[in-house]
N, C-alpha and C. Protein backbone atom coordinates (compact mmCIF):
# COMPACT_ATOMS: atom_id res chain seq x y z
N MET A 1 16.69 -13.52 -0.46
CA MET A 1 17.58 -14.60 -0.11
C MET A 1 17.84 -15.43 -1.35
N ALA A 2 19.07 -15.74 -1.58
CA ALA A 2 19.44 -16.58 -2.72
C ALA A 2 19.06 -18.02 -2.41
N TYR A 3 18.82 -18.79 -3.47
CA TYR A 3 18.41 -20.18 -3.29
C TYR A 3 19.57 -21.08 -2.92
N CYS A 4 20.80 -20.60 -3.13
CA CYS A 4 21.99 -21.32 -2.68
C CYS A 4 23.09 -20.29 -2.44
N THR A 5 24.19 -20.73 -1.88
CA THR A 5 25.29 -19.82 -1.56
C THR A 5 26.51 -20.12 -2.42
N THR A 6 27.41 -19.17 -2.48
CA THR A 6 28.68 -19.36 -3.18
C THR A 6 29.44 -20.55 -2.59
N ASP A 7 29.44 -20.65 -1.27
CA ASP A 7 30.14 -21.76 -0.62
C ASP A 7 29.57 -23.12 -1.02
N GLU A 8 28.23 -23.21 -1.16
CA GLU A 8 27.61 -24.47 -1.58
C GLU A 8 28.03 -24.85 -3.00
N VAL A 9 28.12 -23.86 -3.87
CA VAL A 9 28.55 -24.14 -5.24
C VAL A 9 30.02 -24.54 -5.25
N LEU A 10 30.85 -23.83 -4.52
CA LEU A 10 32.28 -24.18 -4.45
C LEU A 10 32.48 -25.58 -3.87
N GLN A 11 31.71 -25.92 -2.86
CA GLN A 11 31.82 -27.25 -2.26
C GLN A 11 31.46 -28.32 -3.28
N ARG A 12 30.39 -28.08 -4.05
CA ARG A 12 29.99 -29.04 -5.07
C ARG A 12 31.04 -29.14 -6.17
N MET A 13 31.79 -28.05 -6.41
CA MET A 13 32.88 -28.05 -7.39
C MET A 13 34.08 -28.84 -6.88
N GLY A 14 34.10 -29.11 -5.57
CA GLY A 14 35.26 -29.75 -4.98
C GLY A 14 36.38 -28.76 -4.71
N HIS A 15 36.03 -27.49 -4.67
CA HIS A 15 37.01 -26.42 -4.48
C HIS A 15 37.18 -26.14 -3.00
N SER A 16 38.40 -26.05 -2.56
CA SER A 16 38.66 -25.67 -1.17
C SER A 16 39.76 -24.63 -1.16
N GLY A 17 39.77 -23.84 -0.15
CA GLY A 17 40.79 -22.81 -0.06
C GLY A 17 40.31 -21.49 -0.61
N ALA A 18 41.25 -20.57 -0.82
CA ALA A 18 40.92 -19.22 -1.28
C ALA A 18 40.45 -19.25 -2.71
N THR A 19 39.58 -18.31 -3.05
CA THR A 19 39.07 -18.20 -4.41
C THR A 19 39.35 -16.80 -4.95
N SER A 20 39.42 -16.70 -6.26
CA SER A 20 39.69 -15.40 -6.88
C SER A 20 38.40 -14.57 -6.94
N VAL A 21 38.58 -13.29 -7.10
CA VAL A 21 37.45 -12.37 -7.24
C VAL A 21 36.66 -12.73 -8.50
N ASP A 22 37.38 -13.09 -9.57
CA ASP A 22 36.71 -13.45 -10.82
C ASP A 22 35.84 -14.69 -10.66
N LEU A 23 36.35 -15.71 -9.96
CA LEU A 23 35.58 -16.93 -9.75
C LEU A 23 34.35 -16.64 -8.90
N ASN A 24 34.52 -15.86 -7.85
CA ASN A 24 33.38 -15.51 -6.99
C ASN A 24 32.32 -14.72 -7.78
N ALA A 25 32.76 -13.83 -8.65
CA ALA A 25 31.82 -13.06 -9.46
C ALA A 25 31.09 -13.97 -10.45
N LYS A 26 31.81 -14.90 -11.04
CA LYS A 26 31.19 -15.84 -11.98
C LYS A 26 30.15 -16.71 -11.27
N ILE A 27 30.48 -17.17 -10.07
CA ILE A 27 29.53 -18.00 -9.30
C ILE A 27 28.33 -17.16 -8.85
N SER A 28 28.56 -15.93 -8.45
CA SER A 28 27.45 -15.06 -8.04
C SER A 28 26.49 -14.83 -9.21
N ASP A 29 27.03 -14.58 -10.40
CA ASP A 29 26.18 -14.42 -11.58
C ASP A 29 25.43 -15.71 -11.90
N ALA A 30 26.11 -16.85 -11.74
CA ALA A 30 25.47 -18.14 -12.01
C ALA A 30 24.35 -18.42 -11.01
N ILE A 31 24.53 -18.03 -9.76
CA ILE A 31 23.47 -18.21 -8.75
C ILE A 31 22.26 -17.35 -9.10
N THR A 32 22.49 -16.12 -9.49
CA THR A 32 21.39 -15.25 -9.92
C THR A 32 20.66 -15.85 -11.11
N ALA A 33 21.42 -16.32 -12.08
CA ALA A 33 20.82 -16.94 -13.28
C ALA A 33 20.03 -18.19 -12.90
N ALA A 34 20.55 -18.99 -11.98
CA ALA A 34 19.85 -20.21 -11.54
C ALA A 34 18.52 -19.85 -10.87
N GLN A 35 18.53 -18.82 -10.05
CA GLN A 35 17.31 -18.41 -9.36
C GLN A 35 16.26 -17.93 -10.35
N VAL A 36 16.66 -17.14 -11.33
CA VAL A 36 15.74 -16.66 -12.37
C VAL A 36 15.18 -17.86 -13.14
N ALA A 37 16.04 -18.81 -13.50
CA ALA A 37 15.61 -19.99 -14.24
C ALA A 37 14.63 -20.83 -13.44
N ILE A 38 14.90 -21.04 -12.17
CA ILE A 38 14.01 -21.84 -11.32
C ILE A 38 12.65 -21.16 -11.17
N ASP A 39 12.65 -19.85 -10.94
CA ASP A 39 11.38 -19.13 -10.84
C ASP A 39 10.58 -19.28 -12.13
N GLY A 40 11.25 -19.16 -13.27
CA GLY A 40 10.57 -19.29 -14.55
C GLY A 40 10.07 -20.71 -14.80
N ASP A 41 10.88 -21.70 -14.46
CA ASP A 41 10.52 -23.09 -14.72
C ASP A 41 9.41 -23.58 -13.79
N THR A 42 9.37 -23.07 -12.57
CA THR A 42 8.35 -23.54 -11.61
C THR A 42 7.11 -22.66 -11.60
N GLY A 43 7.23 -21.42 -12.06
CA GLY A 43 6.11 -20.50 -12.03
C GLY A 43 5.86 -19.92 -10.64
N ARG A 44 6.87 -19.93 -9.79
CA ARG A 44 6.73 -19.40 -8.44
C ARG A 44 8.08 -18.85 -7.96
N SER A 45 8.04 -18.08 -6.88
CA SER A 45 9.25 -17.56 -6.25
C SER A 45 9.37 -18.17 -4.86
N PHE A 46 10.57 -18.55 -4.50
CA PHE A 46 10.79 -19.17 -3.20
C PHE A 46 11.34 -18.19 -2.18
N GLU A 47 11.27 -16.90 -2.49
CA GLU A 47 11.64 -15.86 -1.53
C GLU A 47 10.39 -15.42 -0.78
N ALA A 48 10.54 -15.06 0.47
CA ALA A 48 9.42 -14.53 1.26
C ALA A 48 9.40 -13.01 1.11
N THR A 49 8.22 -12.48 0.73
CA THR A 49 8.06 -11.02 0.62
C THR A 49 6.75 -10.61 1.27
N THR A 50 6.72 -9.42 1.80
CA THR A 50 5.50 -8.86 2.37
C THR A 50 4.95 -7.87 1.35
N ARG A 51 3.71 -8.06 0.97
CA ARG A 51 3.11 -7.14 0.00
C ARG A 51 1.59 -7.24 0.03
N THR A 52 0.96 -6.34 -0.71
CA THR A 52 -0.49 -6.30 -0.84
C THR A 52 -0.88 -6.80 -2.22
N ILE A 53 -1.81 -7.74 -2.28
CA ILE A 53 -2.29 -8.27 -3.56
C ILE A 53 -3.81 -8.21 -3.56
N THR A 54 -4.37 -7.81 -4.70
CA THR A 54 -5.83 -7.78 -4.84
C THR A 54 -6.28 -8.90 -5.77
N PHE A 55 -7.49 -9.40 -5.51
CA PHE A 55 -8.02 -10.54 -6.24
C PHE A 55 -9.47 -10.31 -6.63
N GLY A 56 -9.90 -11.08 -7.60
CA GLY A 56 -11.30 -11.22 -7.93
C GLY A 56 -11.71 -12.63 -7.60
N ALA A 57 -12.89 -12.85 -7.06
CA ALA A 57 -13.32 -14.18 -6.63
C ALA A 57 -14.00 -14.91 -7.78
N GLU A 58 -13.63 -16.18 -7.98
CA GLU A 58 -14.28 -17.02 -8.97
C GLU A 58 -15.34 -17.91 -8.32
N TYR A 59 -15.18 -18.18 -7.03
CA TYR A 59 -16.11 -19.04 -6.32
C TYR A 59 -16.68 -18.27 -5.13
N ASP A 60 -17.82 -18.71 -4.62
CA ASP A 60 -18.48 -17.99 -3.54
C ASP A 60 -17.68 -17.97 -2.24
N PHE A 61 -17.09 -19.10 -1.85
CA PHE A 61 -16.47 -19.19 -0.53
C PHE A 61 -14.97 -19.46 -0.56
N GLU A 62 -14.43 -19.87 -1.71
CA GLU A 62 -13.03 -20.24 -1.80
C GLU A 62 -12.30 -19.31 -2.74
N LEU A 63 -11.11 -18.88 -2.33
CA LEU A 63 -10.28 -18.01 -3.14
C LEU A 63 -8.93 -18.67 -3.32
N GLU A 64 -8.53 -18.92 -4.57
CA GLU A 64 -7.20 -19.46 -4.85
C GLU A 64 -6.20 -18.32 -4.80
N VAL A 65 -5.10 -18.54 -4.07
CA VAL A 65 -4.05 -17.52 -3.93
C VAL A 65 -2.70 -18.15 -4.23
N PRO A 66 -1.73 -17.34 -4.64
CA PRO A 66 -0.40 -17.86 -4.93
C PRO A 66 0.51 -17.87 -3.70
N ASP A 67 0.90 -19.03 -3.23
CA ASP A 67 1.94 -19.18 -2.21
C ASP A 67 1.86 -18.16 -1.08
N LEU A 68 0.87 -18.31 -0.24
CA LEU A 68 0.62 -17.41 0.89
C LEU A 68 1.19 -18.01 2.18
N ILE A 69 2.06 -17.28 2.84
CA ILE A 69 2.65 -17.75 4.10
C ILE A 69 1.74 -17.37 5.27
N SER A 70 1.33 -16.10 5.33
CA SER A 70 0.45 -15.64 6.41
C SER A 70 -0.28 -14.38 5.98
N VAL A 71 -1.42 -14.12 6.65
CA VAL A 71 -2.24 -12.94 6.36
C VAL A 71 -2.08 -11.93 7.48
N THR A 72 -1.82 -10.69 7.11
CA THR A 72 -1.82 -9.59 8.07
C THR A 72 -3.22 -9.00 8.13
N THR A 73 -3.77 -8.63 6.98
CA THR A 73 -5.17 -8.18 6.91
C THR A 73 -5.81 -8.72 5.65
N LEU A 74 -7.11 -9.00 5.76
CA LEU A 74 -7.92 -9.42 4.63
C LEU A 74 -9.13 -8.50 4.59
N LYS A 75 -9.28 -7.76 3.48
CA LYS A 75 -10.38 -6.80 3.35
C LYS A 75 -11.12 -7.04 2.05
N VAL A 76 -12.38 -6.64 2.04
CA VAL A 76 -13.19 -6.74 0.82
C VAL A 76 -13.88 -5.42 0.54
N ASP A 77 -14.16 -5.22 -0.73
CA ASP A 77 -14.91 -4.05 -1.20
C ASP A 77 -16.35 -4.52 -1.40
N ASP A 78 -17.18 -4.34 -0.37
CA ASP A 78 -18.56 -4.84 -0.42
C ASP A 78 -19.50 -3.99 -1.27
N ASP A 79 -19.21 -2.69 -1.41
CA ASP A 79 -20.14 -1.83 -2.13
C ASP A 79 -19.64 -1.39 -3.51
N ASP A 80 -18.59 -2.05 -4.01
CA ASP A 80 -18.11 -1.86 -5.38
C ASP A 80 -17.68 -0.42 -5.65
N ASP A 81 -17.07 0.24 -4.62
CA ASP A 81 -16.64 1.62 -4.81
C ASP A 81 -15.12 1.76 -4.94
N GLY A 82 -14.41 0.64 -4.95
CA GLY A 82 -12.96 0.68 -5.09
C GLY A 82 -12.22 0.83 -3.78
N VAL A 83 -12.95 0.86 -2.66
CA VAL A 83 -12.34 0.98 -1.34
C VAL A 83 -12.59 -0.33 -0.59
N PHE A 84 -11.55 -0.89 -0.01
CA PHE A 84 -11.66 -2.14 0.75
C PHE A 84 -12.02 -1.80 2.19
N GLU A 85 -13.32 -1.60 2.42
CA GLU A 85 -13.77 -1.07 3.72
C GLU A 85 -14.13 -2.12 4.74
N THR A 86 -14.34 -3.37 4.34
CA THR A 86 -14.74 -4.41 5.28
C THR A 86 -13.57 -5.34 5.57
N THR A 87 -13.16 -5.37 6.85
CA THR A 87 -12.08 -6.27 7.25
C THR A 87 -12.68 -7.58 7.73
N ILE A 88 -12.17 -8.68 7.22
CA ILE A 88 -12.60 -10.02 7.64
C ILE A 88 -11.67 -10.46 8.77
N ALA A 89 -12.24 -10.74 9.93
CA ALA A 89 -11.45 -11.18 11.09
C ALA A 89 -10.85 -12.56 10.80
N ALA A 90 -9.75 -12.87 11.46
CA ALA A 90 -9.09 -14.17 11.28
C ALA A 90 -10.02 -15.32 11.60
N SER A 91 -11.00 -15.10 12.46
CA SER A 91 -11.96 -16.16 12.81
C SER A 91 -13.00 -16.38 11.71
N GLY A 92 -13.01 -15.52 10.70
CA GLY A 92 -13.99 -15.62 9.61
C GLY A 92 -13.50 -16.36 8.38
N TYR A 93 -12.26 -16.81 8.42
CA TYR A 93 -11.70 -17.54 7.27
C TYR A 93 -10.67 -18.55 7.74
N GLU A 94 -10.31 -19.45 6.84
CA GLU A 94 -9.21 -20.38 7.12
C GLU A 94 -8.32 -20.45 5.90
N LEU A 95 -7.05 -20.73 6.14
CA LEU A 95 -6.08 -20.91 5.08
C LEU A 95 -5.91 -22.40 4.85
N ASP A 96 -5.82 -22.80 3.60
CA ASP A 96 -5.72 -24.22 3.29
C ASP A 96 -4.76 -24.40 2.12
N MET A 97 -4.39 -25.65 1.85
CA MET A 97 -3.47 -25.95 0.77
C MET A 97 -3.85 -27.25 0.08
N TYR A 98 -3.38 -27.40 -1.14
CA TYR A 98 -3.59 -28.64 -1.87
C TYR A 98 -2.58 -29.71 -1.42
N HIS A 99 -1.39 -29.29 -1.03
CA HIS A 99 -0.30 -30.20 -0.67
C HIS A 99 -0.30 -30.48 0.83
N GLN A 100 -1.38 -31.06 1.33
CA GLN A 100 -1.57 -31.27 2.77
C GLN A 100 -0.44 -32.09 3.41
N ALA A 101 0.07 -33.06 2.70
CA ALA A 101 1.03 -33.98 3.29
C ALA A 101 2.45 -33.42 3.32
N GLN A 102 2.67 -32.29 2.71
CA GLN A 102 4.03 -31.78 2.57
C GLN A 102 4.27 -30.60 3.52
N ALA A 103 5.11 -30.81 4.49
CA ALA A 103 5.42 -29.74 5.45
C ALA A 103 6.20 -28.63 4.74
N GLY A 104 5.94 -27.41 5.13
CA GLY A 104 6.66 -26.27 4.59
C GLY A 104 6.02 -25.63 3.38
N TRP A 105 4.97 -26.25 2.82
CA TRP A 105 4.31 -25.65 1.66
C TRP A 105 3.47 -24.46 2.11
N PRO A 106 3.43 -23.40 1.30
CA PRO A 106 2.59 -22.26 1.64
C PRO A 106 1.12 -22.59 1.36
N TYR A 107 0.26 -21.71 1.83
CA TYR A 107 -1.18 -21.88 1.62
C TYR A 107 -1.54 -21.48 0.18
N GLU A 108 -2.60 -22.12 -0.32
CA GLU A 108 -3.04 -21.86 -1.69
C GLU A 108 -4.52 -21.48 -1.78
N LEU A 109 -5.22 -21.55 -0.65
CA LEU A 109 -6.65 -21.25 -0.61
C LEU A 109 -6.99 -20.41 0.61
N VAL A 110 -7.92 -19.47 0.45
CA VAL A 110 -8.52 -18.77 1.58
C VAL A 110 -10.01 -19.10 1.50
N ARG A 111 -10.52 -19.71 2.54
CA ARG A 111 -11.92 -20.18 2.57
C ARG A 111 -12.69 -19.41 3.63
N LEU A 112 -13.79 -18.77 3.22
CA LEU A 112 -14.64 -18.02 4.14
C LEU A 112 -15.59 -18.95 4.88
N PHE A 113 -16.00 -18.56 6.09
CA PHE A 113 -16.93 -19.36 6.88
C PHE A 113 -18.37 -18.88 6.78
N ASP A 114 -18.62 -17.61 7.10
CA ASP A 114 -19.99 -17.13 7.30
C ASP A 114 -20.49 -16.16 6.25
N ARG A 115 -19.82 -16.03 5.16
CA ARG A 115 -20.23 -15.10 4.11
C ARG A 115 -19.61 -15.55 2.80
N SER A 116 -19.94 -14.90 1.72
CA SER A 116 -19.32 -15.21 0.43
C SER A 116 -18.46 -14.03 -0.01
N TRP A 117 -17.58 -14.29 -0.96
CA TRP A 117 -16.74 -13.23 -1.51
C TRP A 117 -17.62 -12.29 -2.35
N PRO A 118 -17.34 -11.01 -2.35
CA PRO A 118 -18.09 -10.11 -3.23
C PRO A 118 -17.66 -10.37 -4.68
N SER A 119 -18.65 -10.52 -5.56
CA SER A 119 -18.28 -10.81 -6.94
C SER A 119 -19.05 -9.98 -7.96
N ALA A 120 -20.32 -9.66 -7.70
CA ALA A 120 -21.11 -8.89 -8.67
C ALA A 120 -20.72 -7.42 -8.58
N GLY A 121 -20.66 -6.79 -9.71
CA GLY A 121 -20.33 -5.36 -9.74
C GLY A 121 -19.45 -5.03 -10.92
N LYS A 122 -19.04 -3.76 -11.00
CA LYS A 122 -18.22 -3.30 -12.11
C LYS A 122 -16.75 -3.70 -11.94
N ARG A 123 -16.29 -3.75 -10.71
CA ARG A 123 -14.87 -3.99 -10.46
C ARG A 123 -14.58 -5.48 -10.34
N ARG A 124 -13.49 -5.88 -10.98
CA ARG A 124 -13.12 -7.30 -10.94
C ARG A 124 -12.38 -7.66 -9.65
N ARG A 125 -11.51 -6.79 -9.20
CA ARG A 125 -10.70 -7.09 -8.01
C ARG A 125 -11.31 -6.43 -6.79
N ARG A 126 -11.97 -7.22 -5.97
CA ARG A 126 -12.68 -6.67 -4.81
C ARG A 126 -12.22 -7.29 -3.49
N ILE A 127 -11.09 -7.98 -3.51
CA ILE A 127 -10.53 -8.61 -2.31
C ILE A 127 -9.08 -8.15 -2.20
N GLU A 128 -8.69 -7.75 -1.00
CA GLU A 128 -7.32 -7.28 -0.76
C GLU A 128 -6.71 -8.09 0.37
N ILE A 129 -5.54 -8.66 0.12
CA ILE A 129 -4.82 -9.38 1.17
C ILE A 129 -3.45 -8.76 1.34
N VAL A 130 -3.18 -8.32 2.55
CA VAL A 130 -1.84 -7.89 2.94
C VAL A 130 -1.25 -9.06 3.70
N GLY A 131 -0.12 -9.52 3.26
CA GLY A 131 0.45 -10.69 3.94
C GLY A 131 1.86 -10.97 3.50
N SER A 132 2.32 -12.12 3.92
CA SER A 132 3.64 -12.61 3.56
C SER A 132 3.45 -13.68 2.50
N TRP A 133 4.12 -13.52 1.37
CA TRP A 133 3.94 -14.38 0.21
C TRP A 133 5.24 -15.07 -0.15
N GLY A 134 5.16 -16.20 -0.81
CA GLY A 134 6.35 -16.95 -1.22
C GLY A 134 6.52 -18.17 -0.34
N TRP A 135 7.73 -18.42 0.09
CA TRP A 135 8.05 -19.56 0.95
C TRP A 135 8.85 -19.06 2.13
N SER A 136 8.56 -19.57 3.31
CA SER A 136 9.27 -19.12 4.51
C SER A 136 10.72 -19.61 4.52
N ALA A 137 11.00 -20.69 3.82
CA ALA A 137 12.36 -21.21 3.69
C ALA A 137 12.49 -21.88 2.32
N VAL A 138 13.67 -21.79 1.75
CA VAL A 138 13.92 -22.43 0.46
C VAL A 138 13.90 -23.95 0.67
N PRO A 139 13.03 -24.68 -0.04
CA PRO A 139 13.01 -26.14 0.12
C PRO A 139 14.35 -26.76 -0.30
N ALA A 140 14.71 -27.84 0.36
CA ALA A 140 16.00 -28.50 0.09
C ALA A 140 16.16 -28.88 -1.39
N PRO A 141 15.13 -29.44 -2.06
CA PRO A 141 15.33 -29.76 -3.48
C PRO A 141 15.59 -28.52 -4.35
N ILE A 142 14.98 -27.38 -3.99
CA ILE A 142 15.22 -26.14 -4.75
C ILE A 142 16.65 -25.65 -4.50
N ASN A 143 17.12 -25.77 -3.27
CA ASN A 143 18.50 -25.42 -2.95
C ASN A 143 19.46 -26.29 -3.78
N GLN A 144 19.18 -27.59 -3.84
CA GLN A 144 20.04 -28.49 -4.61
C GLN A 144 19.97 -28.18 -6.10
N ALA A 145 18.79 -27.89 -6.62
CA ALA A 145 18.65 -27.54 -8.04
C ALA A 145 19.41 -26.27 -8.36
N ALA A 146 19.32 -25.26 -7.48
CA ALA A 146 20.03 -24.00 -7.68
C ALA A 146 21.53 -24.21 -7.65
N THR A 147 22.00 -25.03 -6.70
CA THR A 147 23.43 -25.31 -6.59
C THR A 147 23.93 -26.03 -7.85
N LEU A 148 23.17 -27.02 -8.28
CA LEU A 148 23.54 -27.80 -9.46
C LEU A 148 23.55 -26.93 -10.72
N LEU A 149 22.50 -26.14 -10.90
CA LEU A 149 22.42 -25.30 -12.09
C LEU A 149 23.48 -24.20 -12.06
N ALA A 150 23.70 -23.60 -10.90
CA ALA A 150 24.74 -22.57 -10.79
C ALA A 150 26.11 -23.16 -11.10
N LEU A 151 26.38 -24.34 -10.59
CA LEU A 151 27.67 -25.01 -10.84
C LEU A 151 27.85 -25.26 -12.33
N ARG A 152 26.84 -25.84 -12.95
CA ARG A 152 26.96 -26.17 -14.37
C ARG A 152 27.02 -24.92 -15.23
N THR A 153 26.31 -23.89 -14.83
CA THR A 153 26.35 -22.62 -15.57
C THR A 153 27.72 -21.96 -15.43
N ALA A 154 28.26 -21.93 -14.21
CA ALA A 154 29.55 -21.30 -13.96
C ALA A 154 30.69 -22.04 -14.65
N GLN A 155 30.55 -23.34 -14.84
CA GLN A 155 31.64 -24.13 -15.44
C GLN A 155 31.62 -24.09 -16.96
N ARG A 156 30.57 -23.58 -17.56
CA ARG A 156 30.51 -23.49 -19.03
C ARG A 156 31.50 -22.42 -19.48
N PRO A 157 32.11 -22.60 -20.63
CA PRO A 157 33.11 -21.62 -21.10
C PRO A 157 32.59 -20.20 -21.18
N SER A 158 31.35 -20.03 -21.66
CA SER A 158 30.80 -18.68 -21.79
C SER A 158 29.97 -18.27 -20.58
N ALA A 159 30.04 -19.06 -19.52
CA ALA A 159 29.30 -18.86 -18.27
C ALA A 159 27.81 -19.09 -18.45
N ALA A 160 27.36 -19.45 -19.64
CA ALA A 160 25.96 -19.81 -19.91
C ALA A 160 24.99 -18.89 -19.17
N LEU A 161 25.12 -17.60 -19.42
CA LEU A 161 24.31 -16.63 -18.71
C LEU A 161 22.83 -16.94 -18.81
N PHE A 162 22.16 -16.95 -17.67
CA PHE A 162 20.74 -17.27 -17.53
C PHE A 162 20.39 -18.65 -18.08
N GLY A 163 21.37 -19.55 -18.02
CA GLY A 163 21.13 -20.93 -18.39
C GLY A 163 21.14 -21.19 -19.88
N VAL A 164 21.46 -20.17 -20.71
CA VAL A 164 21.53 -20.39 -22.17
C VAL A 164 22.87 -21.00 -22.49
N GLN A 165 22.83 -22.20 -23.05
CA GLN A 165 24.03 -22.94 -23.39
C GLN A 165 24.57 -22.51 -24.74
N SER A 166 23.67 -22.39 -25.74
CA SER A 166 24.08 -21.99 -27.08
C SER A 166 22.86 -21.53 -27.86
N PHE A 167 23.11 -20.91 -28.99
CA PHE A 167 22.04 -20.50 -29.89
C PHE A 167 22.17 -21.30 -31.18
N GLY A 168 21.07 -21.88 -31.61
CA GLY A 168 21.09 -22.67 -32.83
C GLY A 168 20.03 -22.19 -33.79
N ASP A 169 19.71 -23.03 -34.76
CA ASP A 169 18.70 -22.69 -35.77
C ASP A 169 17.31 -22.48 -35.19
N VAL A 170 17.00 -23.18 -34.09
CA VAL A 170 15.66 -23.09 -33.49
C VAL A 170 15.62 -22.20 -32.25
N GLY A 171 16.69 -21.48 -31.98
CA GLY A 171 16.71 -20.59 -30.83
C GLY A 171 17.69 -21.03 -29.78
N ALA A 172 17.46 -20.57 -28.56
CA ALA A 172 18.39 -20.83 -27.46
C ALA A 172 18.26 -22.28 -26.98
N SER A 173 19.40 -22.87 -26.62
CA SER A 173 19.43 -24.19 -26.00
C SER A 173 19.78 -23.98 -24.53
N TYR A 174 18.96 -24.51 -23.65
CA TYR A 174 19.11 -24.25 -22.23
C TYR A 174 19.77 -25.41 -21.51
N VAL A 175 20.71 -25.10 -20.61
CA VAL A 175 21.38 -26.10 -19.81
C VAL A 175 20.36 -26.90 -19.00
N ARG A 176 19.45 -26.23 -18.36
CA ARG A 176 18.54 -26.86 -17.41
C ARG A 176 17.55 -27.82 -18.06
N LYS A 177 17.09 -27.53 -19.27
CA LYS A 177 16.09 -28.38 -19.92
C LYS A 177 16.67 -29.75 -20.29
N ASP A 178 17.98 -29.81 -20.45
CA ASP A 178 18.64 -31.06 -20.83
C ASP A 178 19.17 -31.82 -19.62
N ASP A 179 18.88 -31.33 -18.44
CA ASP A 179 19.45 -31.93 -17.22
C ASP A 179 18.38 -32.66 -16.43
N PRO A 180 18.34 -34.00 -16.50
CA PRO A 180 17.30 -34.73 -15.78
C PRO A 180 17.37 -34.57 -14.27
N ASP A 181 18.57 -34.40 -13.72
CA ASP A 181 18.69 -34.20 -12.27
C ASP A 181 18.01 -32.90 -11.85
N TYR A 182 18.28 -31.84 -12.59
CA TYR A 182 17.65 -30.55 -12.31
C TYR A 182 16.13 -30.65 -12.43
N MET A 183 15.66 -31.22 -13.53
CA MET A 183 14.21 -31.32 -13.75
C MET A 183 13.55 -32.18 -12.67
N HIS A 184 14.22 -33.23 -12.23
CA HIS A 184 13.65 -34.08 -11.16
C HIS A 184 13.52 -33.28 -9.85
N LEU A 185 14.53 -32.48 -9.54
CA LEU A 185 14.51 -31.72 -8.29
C LEU A 185 13.41 -30.67 -8.26
N ILE A 186 13.12 -30.04 -9.38
CA ILE A 186 12.11 -28.96 -9.38
C ILE A 186 10.70 -29.44 -9.73
N SER A 187 10.56 -30.67 -10.23
CA SER A 187 9.29 -31.11 -10.82
C SER A 187 8.10 -31.00 -9.86
N GLN A 188 8.28 -31.33 -8.60
CA GLN A 188 7.14 -31.29 -7.67
C GLN A 188 6.72 -29.87 -7.32
N TYR A 189 7.55 -28.89 -7.65
CA TYR A 189 7.23 -27.50 -7.34
C TYR A 189 6.68 -26.72 -8.54
N MET A 190 6.63 -27.37 -9.70
CA MET A 190 6.18 -26.69 -10.92
C MET A 190 4.67 -26.52 -10.91
N LYS A 191 4.24 -25.28 -11.14
CA LYS A 191 2.79 -25.02 -11.26
C LYS A 191 2.35 -25.51 -12.63
N PRO A 192 1.13 -26.05 -12.70
CA PRO A 192 0.63 -26.51 -14.01
C PRO A 192 0.53 -25.33 -14.98
N ARG A 193 0.93 -25.59 -16.21
CA ARG A 193 0.85 -24.55 -17.26
C ARG A 193 -0.47 -24.73 -18.01
N ILE A 194 -1.14 -23.63 -18.25
CA ILE A 194 -2.38 -23.66 -19.02
C ILE A 194 -2.07 -23.22 -20.43
N ALA A 195 -2.38 -24.09 -21.40
CA ALA A 195 -2.05 -23.78 -22.80
C ALA A 195 -3.12 -22.94 -23.43
């Protein structure tokens, strides 16, 4: 799912009526570029996907996970043989988040109740979660940021592909980094960067 639609960008442009194929293609490219830029700037994806991810535990009872919507199965490799043979029932863990006050945020922690995560052994990744990852719906500020960035990218003479405005002596200059409105909209969703 795109973070915004062509119609939302056209509406923000003040455009009404029929549009050309070229304009629609330019806006579609700008929406794709905006989505890539937002994912890169925030360190997360706001699309919902179903997939299997394996983890290694750093703590005995708590496992940090990236943007988890729901768990289908949670398994562990208890005997360090590379096979996830032990299924943890839903009653054996809870999902939690750091952003308790914010509705719509995905889970960021899986906490066990009656056992600890397997950690000692040769293999680093001994936990397997099959589930839905990302965000169940694109947050309104992300939709607005995508619309704004797509609009500004599409209106640039060279279409500012992937948000690159120009190239100078120090490298690429990005549309989004110079836009306080864009940065304000995405700031609460940015994952901390570790230097």
